[in-house]
Amino acid sequence: MNIDSIINFSTSQADIENFKPEQEKILSGEPLQQVENHYSSPCKQFDAGVWSGDKGAWKVSYTEHEYCEILDGSSIITDSKGSSMRVNQGDKFVIPAGFNGTWEVLDTCKKIYVVFQQKS
């Protein structure tokens, strides 16, 4: 490996994927989302990129561990027991695999994500 193998999000050309959560998971709004995946490891267990989402709420069920850094906007993450936390620009956190609950975008939200999918 050399310096050319380093992925710089500001200059790399990532494929852009636009999507919505599955209809049965949407709780409110029309939460259009966009992913720019800048890196996927050869073993397909590690990904990193930029995600953005429009206002709305949907059910989440994490099978992966995800590090998030909110770049813009705000969201509320609620667990299956009803406890919640608001995340805003500048917040950095990890959502562990096995987390179930909801993600609600209050103001169009943008984050850097780093995901590790542990093999079972």
N, C-alpha and C. Protein backbone atom coordinates (compact mmCIF):
# COMPACT_ATOMS: atom_id res chain seq x y z
N MET A 1 0.85 -1.18 0.00
CA MET A 1 0.00 0.00 0.00
C MET A 1 0.89 1.24 0.00
N ASN A 2 0.40 2.27 -0.67
CA ASN A 2 1.11 3.54 -0.68
C ASN A 2 0.11 4.68 -0.48
N ILE A 3 0.58 5.90 -0.60
CA ILE A 3 -0.26 7.09 -0.33
C ILE A 3 -1.50 7.12 -1.23
N ASP A 4 -1.40 6.55 -2.42
CA ASP A 4 -2.55 6.54 -3.34
C ASP A 4 -3.70 5.67 -2.86
N SER A 5 -3.46 4.82 -1.86
CA SER A 5 -4.53 3.96 -1.35
C SER A 5 -5.38 4.66 -0.28
N ILE A 6 -4.98 5.86 0.14
CA ILE A 6 -5.75 6.62 1.13
C ILE A 6 -6.96 7.25 0.46
N ILE A 7 -8.14 7.11 1.08
CA ILE A 7 -9.38 7.66 0.53
C ILE A 7 -9.68 9.00 1.20
N ASN A 8 -9.64 10.06 0.43
CA ASN A 8 -9.96 11.39 0.92
C ASN A 8 -11.39 11.71 0.50
N PHE A 9 -12.29 11.83 1.46
CA PHE A 9 -13.71 12.07 1.15
C PHE A 9 -13.90 13.33 0.30
N SER A 10 -13.04 14.35 0.47
CA SER A 10 -13.22 15.60 -0.28
C SER A 10 -12.90 15.46 -1.76
N THR A 11 -12.08 14.48 -2.11
CA THR A 11 -11.68 14.36 -3.51
C THR A 11 -12.10 13.04 -4.16
N SER A 12 -12.53 12.07 -3.38
CA SER A 12 -12.91 10.78 -3.98
C SER A 12 -14.26 10.89 -4.67
N GLN A 13 -14.45 10.10 -5.69
CA GLN A 13 -15.71 10.06 -6.43
C GLN A 13 -16.53 8.87 -5.94
N ALA A 14 -17.44 9.12 -5.02
CA ALA A 14 -18.28 8.05 -4.47
C ALA A 14 -19.57 7.92 -5.27
N ASP A 15 -20.04 6.69 -5.41
CA ASP A 15 -21.36 6.48 -6.00
C ASP A 15 -22.39 7.02 -5.03
N ILE A 16 -23.43 7.66 -5.54
CA ILE A 16 -24.50 8.22 -4.71
C ILE A 16 -25.74 7.35 -4.87
N GLU A 17 -26.27 6.91 -3.73
CA GLU A 17 -27.48 6.08 -3.73
C GLU A 17 -28.59 6.86 -3.02
N ASN A 18 -29.71 7.06 -3.69
CA ASN A 18 -30.89 7.70 -3.10
C ASN A 18 -31.91 6.61 -2.78
N PHE A 19 -32.52 6.70 -1.60
CA PHE A 19 -33.49 5.67 -1.20
C PHE A 19 -34.36 6.19 -0.05
N LYS A 20 -35.41 5.45 0.23
CA LYS A 20 -36.25 5.64 1.42
C LYS A 20 -36.23 4.33 2.19
N PRO A 21 -36.48 4.40 3.50
CA PRO A 21 -36.64 3.14 4.25
C PRO A 21 -37.81 2.36 3.65
N GLU A 22 -37.83 1.07 3.91
CA GLU A 22 -38.96 0.26 3.47
C GLU A 22 -40.24 0.87 4.02
N GLN A 23 -41.30 0.86 3.23
CA GLN A 23 -42.56 1.54 3.59
C GLN A 23 -43.08 1.14 4.97
N GLU A 24 -42.96 -0.15 5.33
CA GLU A 24 -43.48 -0.61 6.62
C GLU A 24 -42.65 -0.08 7.80
N LYS A 25 -41.46 0.46 7.53
CA LYS A 25 -40.63 1.02 8.60
C LYS A 25 -40.86 2.52 8.81
N ILE A 26 -41.45 3.20 7.82
CA ILE A 26 -41.66 4.65 7.91
C ILE A 26 -42.78 4.96 8.89
N LEU A 27 -42.48 5.84 9.85
CA LEU A 27 -43.46 6.25 10.86
C LEU A 27 -44.05 7.62 10.56
N SER A 28 -43.27 8.50 9.92
CA SER A 28 -43.79 9.82 9.54
C SER A 28 -42.91 10.41 8.45
N GLY A 29 -43.52 11.33 7.69
CA GLY A 29 -42.80 12.04 6.65
C GLY A 29 -42.47 11.19 5.44
N GLU A 30 -41.64 11.76 4.61
CA GLU A 30 -41.12 11.09 3.41
C GLU A 30 -39.60 11.15 3.51
N PRO A 31 -39.02 10.33 4.37
CA PRO A 31 -37.60 10.47 4.68
C PRO A 31 -36.65 9.97 3.57
N LEU A 32 -36.55 10.78 2.51
CA LEU A 32 -35.60 10.47 1.45
C LEU A 32 -34.19 10.53 2.03
N GLN A 33 -33.38 9.55 1.69
CA GLN A 33 -32.01 9.48 2.22
C GLN A 33 -31.03 9.33 1.07
N GLN A 34 -29.79 9.71 1.34
CA GLN A 34 -28.73 9.63 0.34
C GLN A 34 -27.46 9.11 1.01
N VAL A 35 -26.80 8.18 0.35
CA VAL A 35 -25.55 7.64 0.85
C VAL A 35 -24.48 7.81 -0.22
N GLU A 36 -23.33 8.32 0.21
CA GLU A 36 -22.13 8.38 -0.62
C GLU A 36 -21.11 7.47 0.08
N ASN A 37 -21.03 6.23 -0.35
CA ASN A 37 -20.11 5.29 0.29
C ASN A 37 -18.73 5.46 -0.35
N HIS A 38 -17.81 6.02 0.42
CA HIS A 38 -16.47 6.30 -0.09
C HIS A 38 -15.52 5.11 0.01
N TYR A 39 -15.83 4.19 0.92
CA TYR A 39 -14.91 3.05 1.10
C TYR A 39 -15.65 1.81 1.56
N SER A 40 -15.32 0.68 0.94
CA SER A 40 -15.76 -0.64 1.39
C SER A 40 -14.54 -1.52 1.41
N SER A 41 -14.34 -2.21 2.52
CA SER A 41 -13.18 -3.09 2.65
C SER A 41 -13.33 -4.30 1.74
N PRO A 42 -12.22 -4.92 1.36
CA PRO A 42 -12.29 -6.12 0.52
C PRO A 42 -13.12 -7.24 1.16
N CYS A 43 -13.14 -7.33 2.50
CA CYS A 43 -13.90 -8.39 3.17
C CYS A 43 -15.38 -8.04 3.30
N LYS A 44 -15.78 -6.82 2.89
CA LYS A 44 -17.18 -6.35 2.91
C LYS A 44 -17.76 -6.22 4.32
N GLN A 45 -16.89 -6.06 5.35
CA GLN A 45 -17.37 -5.89 6.72
C GLN A 45 -17.25 -4.44 7.19
N PHE A 46 -16.56 -3.59 6.44
CA PHE A 46 -16.24 -2.23 6.88
C PHE A 46 -16.56 -1.26 5.77
N ASP A 47 -17.36 -0.23 6.10
CA ASP A 47 -17.73 0.81 5.13
C ASP A 47 -17.62 2.17 5.78
N ALA A 48 -17.36 3.19 4.96
CA ALA A 48 -17.29 4.56 5.46
C ALA A 48 -17.77 5.52 4.38
N GLY A 49 -18.49 6.55 4.80
CA GLY A 49 -18.99 7.51 3.83
C GLY A 49 -19.79 8.61 4.48
N VAL A 50 -20.66 9.22 3.67
CA VAL A 50 -21.49 10.33 4.11
C VAL A 50 -22.95 9.97 3.84
N TRP A 51 -23.79 10.17 4.84
CA TRP A 51 -25.24 9.92 4.75
C TRP A 51 -25.97 11.23 4.99
N SER A 52 -27.08 11.42 4.30
CA SER A 52 -27.96 12.56 4.62
C SER A 52 -29.40 12.08 4.53
N GLY A 53 -30.25 12.72 5.32
CA GLY A 53 -31.66 12.33 5.36
C GLY A 53 -32.57 13.52 5.54
N ASP A 54 -33.73 13.45 4.90
CA ASP A 54 -34.77 14.49 5.03
C ASP A 54 -35.64 14.20 6.24
N LYS A 55 -36.46 15.18 6.60
CA LYS A 55 -37.35 15.07 7.76
C LYS A 55 -38.23 13.83 7.65
N GLY A 56 -38.39 13.17 8.80
CA GLY A 56 -39.23 11.98 8.87
C GLY A 56 -38.72 11.07 9.95
N ALA A 57 -39.45 10.00 10.19
CA ALA A 57 -39.07 9.03 11.23
C ALA A 57 -39.29 7.62 10.69
N TRP A 58 -38.42 6.70 11.12
CA TRP A 58 -38.53 5.31 10.70
C TRP A 58 -37.92 4.39 11.75
N LYS A 59 -38.33 3.14 11.68
CA LYS A 59 -37.81 2.11 12.59
C LYS A 59 -36.41 1.70 12.13
N VAL A 60 -35.53 1.44 13.12
CA VAL A 60 -34.18 0.97 12.83
C VAL A 60 -33.88 -0.29 13.62
N SER A 61 -33.07 -1.13 13.04
CA SER A 61 -32.61 -2.35 13.69
C SER A 61 -31.18 -2.58 13.21
N TYR A 62 -30.22 -2.30 14.07
CA TYR A 62 -28.81 -2.34 13.69
C TYR A 62 -28.22 -3.74 13.81
N THR A 63 -27.71 -4.26 12.72
CA THR A 63 -26.96 -5.52 12.73
C THR A 63 -25.47 -5.22 12.69
N GLU A 64 -25.13 -3.94 12.52
CA GLU A 64 -23.75 -3.50 12.42
C GLU A 64 -23.45 -2.51 13.55
N HIS A 65 -22.16 -2.30 13.82
CA HIS A 65 -21.72 -1.26 14.74
C HIS A 65 -21.47 -0.02 13.88
N GLU A 66 -21.97 1.15 14.31
CA GLU A 66 -21.82 2.35 13.49
C GLU A 66 -21.33 3.53 14.32
N TYR A 67 -20.22 4.12 13.88
CA TYR A 67 -19.74 5.39 14.40
C TYR A 67 -20.37 6.48 13.55
N CYS A 68 -20.90 7.53 14.19
CA CYS A 68 -21.53 8.64 13.49
C CYS A 68 -20.94 9.96 13.96
N GLU A 69 -20.77 10.89 13.04
CA GLU A 69 -20.41 12.26 13.37
C GLU A 69 -21.37 13.17 12.61
N ILE A 70 -22.21 13.89 13.35
CA ILE A 70 -23.23 14.74 12.72
C ILE A 70 -22.56 16.00 12.16
N LEU A 71 -22.69 16.20 10.85
CA LEU A 71 -22.10 17.36 10.18
C LEU A 71 -23.06 18.53 10.11
N ASP A 72 -24.36 18.22 10.05
CA ASP A 72 -25.37 19.27 9.89
C ASP A 72 -26.72 18.72 10.31
N GLY A 73 -27.58 19.60 10.83
CA GLY A 73 -28.94 19.21 11.19
C GLY A 73 -29.03 18.55 12.54
N SER A 74 -30.18 17.93 12.79
CA SER A 74 -30.41 17.25 14.07
C SER A 74 -31.41 16.12 13.91
N SER A 75 -31.28 15.14 14.80
CA SER A 75 -32.15 13.97 14.80
C SER A 75 -32.40 13.54 16.24
N ILE A 76 -33.42 12.72 16.41
CA ILE A 76 -33.69 12.10 17.70
C ILE A 76 -33.64 10.59 17.48
N ILE A 77 -32.84 9.92 18.30
CA ILE A 77 -32.73 8.47 18.25
C ILE A 77 -33.42 7.94 19.51
N THR A 78 -34.36 7.04 19.33
CA THR A 78 -35.15 6.50 20.44
C THR A 78 -35.01 4.98 20.47
N ASP A 79 -34.79 4.43 21.69
CA ASP A 79 -34.66 2.98 21.79
C ASP A 79 -36.04 2.32 21.92
N SER A 80 -36.06 1.01 21.95
CA SER A 80 -37.32 0.27 21.97
C SER A 80 -38.09 0.44 23.27
N LYS A 81 -37.46 1.00 24.32
CA LYS A 81 -38.14 1.24 25.59
C LYS A 81 -38.64 2.68 25.71
N GLY A 82 -38.36 3.51 24.71
CA GLY A 82 -38.85 4.87 24.70
C GLY A 82 -37.85 5.92 25.17
N SER A 83 -36.66 5.53 25.59
CA SER A 83 -35.64 6.50 25.97
C SER A 83 -35.02 7.07 24.70
N SER A 84 -34.73 8.38 24.72
CA SER A 84 -34.22 8.99 23.49
C SER A 84 -33.08 9.95 23.77
N MET A 85 -32.35 10.26 22.70
CA MET A 85 -31.32 11.28 22.75
C MET A 85 -31.37 12.08 21.46
N ARG A 86 -31.14 13.37 21.60
CA ARG A 86 -31.09 14.26 20.44
C ARG A 86 -29.63 14.38 20.03
N VAL A 87 -29.37 14.29 18.73
CA VAL A 87 -28.03 14.47 18.21
C VAL A 87 -28.03 15.66 17.27
N ASN A 88 -27.00 16.50 17.43
CA ASN A 88 -26.90 17.76 16.69
C ASN A 88 -25.53 17.87 16.03
N GLN A 89 -25.39 18.89 15.20
CA GLN A 89 -24.12 19.15 14.54
C GLN A 89 -22.97 19.10 15.55
N GLY A 90 -21.93 18.35 15.21
CA GLY A 90 -20.76 18.24 16.07
C GLY A 90 -20.76 17.02 16.98
N ASP A 91 -21.93 16.39 17.17
CA ASP A 91 -22.00 15.22 18.04
C ASP A 91 -21.34 14.02 17.36
N LYS A 92 -20.65 13.22 18.17
CA LYS A 92 -19.98 12.00 17.73
C LYS A 92 -20.42 10.88 18.65
N PHE A 93 -20.82 9.73 18.10
CA PHE A 93 -21.33 8.64 18.93
C PHE A 93 -21.27 7.33 18.17
N VAL A 94 -21.44 6.23 18.89
CA VAL A 94 -21.47 4.90 18.31
C VAL A 94 -22.81 4.25 18.63
N ILE A 95 -23.42 3.66 17.63
CA ILE A 95 -24.63 2.85 17.81
C ILE A 95 -24.18 1.39 17.70
N PRO A 96 -24.30 0.62 18.78
CA PRO A 96 -23.83 -0.77 18.73
C PRO A 96 -24.80 -1.69 17.97
N ALA A 97 -24.24 -2.75 17.43
CA ALA A 97 -25.07 -3.78 16.79
C ALA A 97 -26.06 -4.30 17.83
N GLY A 98 -27.29 -4.54 17.40
CA GLY A 98 -28.34 -5.01 18.31
C GLY A 98 -29.28 -3.91 18.75
N PHE A 99 -28.94 -2.62 18.45
CA PHE A 99 -29.83 -1.52 18.83
C PHE A 99 -31.08 -1.56 17.97
N ASN A 100 -32.25 -1.45 18.62
CA ASN A 100 -33.54 -1.38 17.93
C ASN A 100 -34.29 -0.16 18.44
N GLY A 101 -34.95 0.53 17.55
CA GLY A 101 -35.72 1.71 17.94
C GLY A 101 -36.14 2.51 16.73
N THR A 102 -36.02 3.85 16.85
CA THR A 102 -36.40 4.73 15.75
C THR A 102 -35.34 5.81 15.56
N TRP A 103 -35.29 6.32 14.35
CA TRP A 103 -34.45 7.47 14.00
C TRP A 103 -35.40 8.50 13.42
N GLU A 104 -35.41 9.70 13.99
CA GLU A 104 -36.25 10.79 13.49
C GLU A 104 -35.38 11.97 13.12
N VAL A 105 -35.44 12.40 11.87
CA VAL A 105 -34.72 13.58 11.42
C VAL A 105 -35.62 14.79 11.66
N LEU A 106 -35.12 15.75 12.46
CA LEU A 106 -35.87 16.97 12.76
C LEU A 106 -35.58 18.05 11.73
N ASP A 107 -34.31 18.23 11.43
CA ASP A 107 -33.85 19.17 10.41
C ASP A 107 -32.93 18.36 9.50
N THR A 108 -33.05 18.54 8.20
CA THR A 108 -32.25 17.74 7.28
C THR A 108 -30.89 17.47 7.91
N CYS A 109 -30.54 16.21 8.02
CA CYS A 109 -29.38 15.77 8.78
C CYS A 109 -28.34 15.17 7.84
N LYS A 110 -27.07 15.44 8.15
CA LYS A 110 -25.96 14.89 7.38
C LYS A 110 -24.92 14.37 8.35
N LYS A 111 -24.39 13.17 8.09
CA LYS A 111 -23.41 12.59 9.00
C LYS A 111 -22.34 11.83 8.23
N ILE A 112 -21.18 11.73 8.84
CA ILE A 112 -20.17 10.78 8.41
C ILE A 112 -20.47 9.49 9.15
N TYR A 113 -20.40 8.38 8.45
CA TYR A 113 -20.60 7.08 9.09
C TYR A 113 -19.41 6.18 8.84
N VAL A 114 -19.14 5.35 9.83
CA VAL A 114 -18.15 4.29 9.72
C VAL A 114 -18.83 3.06 10.29
N VAL A 115 -18.99 2.03 9.47
CA VAL A 115 -19.77 0.86 9.84
C VAL A 115 -18.90 -0.39 9.82
N PHE A 116 -19.06 -1.19 10.88
CA PHE A 116 -18.40 -2.50 10.93
C PHE A 116 -19.47 -3.57 11.11
N GLN A 117 -19.54 -4.47 10.15
CA GLN A 117 -20.50 -5.58 10.20
C GLN A 117 -19.76 -6.82 10.69
N GLN A 118 -20.02 -7.20 11.94
CA GLN A 118 -19.35 -8.36 12.52
C GLN A 118 -19.94 -9.63 11.96
N LYS A 119 -19.08 -10.55 11.55
CA LYS A 119 -19.58 -11.84 11.07
C LYS A 119 -20.05 -12.67 12.24
N SER A 120 -21.14 -13.41 12.04
CA SER A 120 -21.65 -14.24 13.14
C SER A 120 -21.05 -15.60 13.15
